[in-house]
Every structure is written in C-alpha cells, then in structure tokens.
C-alpha cells in the first residue's frame, strides 16, 4: 500500500479527529472513503464532459425522449 502525506487545515483535521474518536474508526478510513467517493464523482463528470464534447454525439430533446419512451 502506498503512503501519502496530506496537509489539512486545522479545522478540518479537528473535525476528522473528533469523528474518528466518536465512531471509533481510523482517520485513514474516513479519508480513504471520502477520496474514493470524490474520485468516482469526478471520473463520472469527466466521462460526461467527454461525451458532450464528442462531435459525433447524437442528441435528443426532452420531447423526443418522451415520445421514444411513449410517455406522451
């Protein structure tokens, strides 16, 4: 496993410390979980932006989607 040093503002570090003590979980577990969720969200955003920028992308407006799904 790779070790990474992170510098946190005091207020964030204090919040993390309090929550870790309250839940009896390690600070590392919270940092890892938060980072995993953040990276997944950012990767989804980047995939979406790549699709939007694709000049070959095909688009449907709201009314076309409703008709295609027989929601009229």
Protein backbone atom coordinates (compact mmCIF):
# COMPACT_ATOMS: atom_id res chain seq x y z
CA UNK A 1 0.00 0.00 0.00
CA UNK A 2 1.24 3.49 -0.86
CA UNK A 3 1.68 6.07 1.89
CA UNK A 4 0.62 9.63 1.02
CA UNK A 5 1.04 12.68 3.25
CA UNK A 6 -1.81 15.18 3.24
CA UNK A 7 -1.80 18.60 4.89
CA UNK A 8 -5.19 19.58 6.27
CA UNK A 9 -6.42 22.90 7.61
CA UNK A 10 -6.69 22.79 11.40
CA UNK A 11 -10.49 22.97 11.42
CA UNK A 12 -10.81 20.03 9.01
CA UNK A 13 -8.24 18.00 10.93
CA UNK A 14 -10.08 18.68 14.19
CA UNK A 15 -13.41 17.60 12.70
CA UNK A 16 -11.83 14.43 11.36
CA UNK A 17 -10.22 13.67 14.71
CA UNK A 18 -13.48 14.18 16.62
CA UNK A 19 -15.47 11.99 14.23
CA UNK A 20 -12.84 9.24 14.31
CA UNK A 21 -12.93 9.19 18.11
CA UNK A 22 -16.74 9.31 18.21
CA UNK A 23 -17.13 6.41 15.79
CA UNK A 24 -14.02 4.51 16.88
CA UNK A 25 -12.87 4.39 13.28
CA UNK A 26 -9.48 5.42 11.98
CA UNK A 27 -8.95 8.80 10.38
CA UNK A 28 -7.42 6.91 7.46
CA UNK A 29 -10.68 5.04 6.85
CA UNK A 30 -12.61 8.32 6.59
CA UNK A 31 -10.02 9.89 4.30
CA UNK A 32 -9.93 6.81 2.06
CA UNK A 33 -13.73 6.59 1.84
CA UNK A 34 -14.11 10.31 1.13
CA UNK A 35 -11.40 10.23 -1.53
CA UNK A 36 -12.90 7.18 -3.23
CA UNK A 37 -16.32 8.84 -3.41
CA UNK A 38 -14.84 12.12 -4.64
CA UNK A 39 -12.75 10.44 -7.33
CA UNK A 40 -15.70 8.37 -8.56
CA UNK A 41 -17.79 11.53 -8.88
CA UNK A 42 -15.03 13.39 -10.69
CA UNK A 43 -14.43 10.48 -13.06
CA UNK A 44 -18.16 10.41 -13.87
CA UNK A 45 -18.08 14.14 -14.57
CA UNK A 46 -15.08 13.77 -16.88
CA UNK A 47 -16.77 10.91 -18.77
CA UNK A 48 -19.89 13.03 -19.18
CA UNK A 49 -17.91 16.02 -20.40
CA UNK A 50 -16.08 13.84 -22.91
CA UNK A 51 -19.42 12.64 -24.28
CA UNK A 52 -20.72 16.19 -24.51
CA UNK A 53 -17.58 17.31 -26.39
CA UNK A 54 -17.78 14.37 -28.82
CA UNK A 55 -18.58 15.84 -32.24
CA UNK A 56 -20.17 12.51 -33.24
CA UNK A 57 -22.61 12.57 -30.31
CA UNK A 58 -26.29 12.37 -31.12
CA UNK A 59 -28.79 14.31 -29.05
CA UNK A 60 -32.50 14.13 -28.34
CA UNK A 61 -34.52 16.93 -26.82
CA UNK A 62 -36.96 16.38 -23.96
CA UNK A 63 -39.99 15.91 -26.22
CA UNK A 64 -38.17 13.35 -28.37
CA UNK A 65 -37.23 11.33 -25.29
CA UNK A 66 -40.84 11.40 -24.05
CA UNK A 67 -42.07 10.17 -27.43
CA UNK A 68 -39.38 7.47 -27.62
CA UNK A 69 -40.41 6.21 -24.19
CA UNK A 70 -44.12 6.54 -25.07
CA UNK A 71 -44.67 8.99 -22.23
CA UNK A 72 -46.89 11.43 -24.15
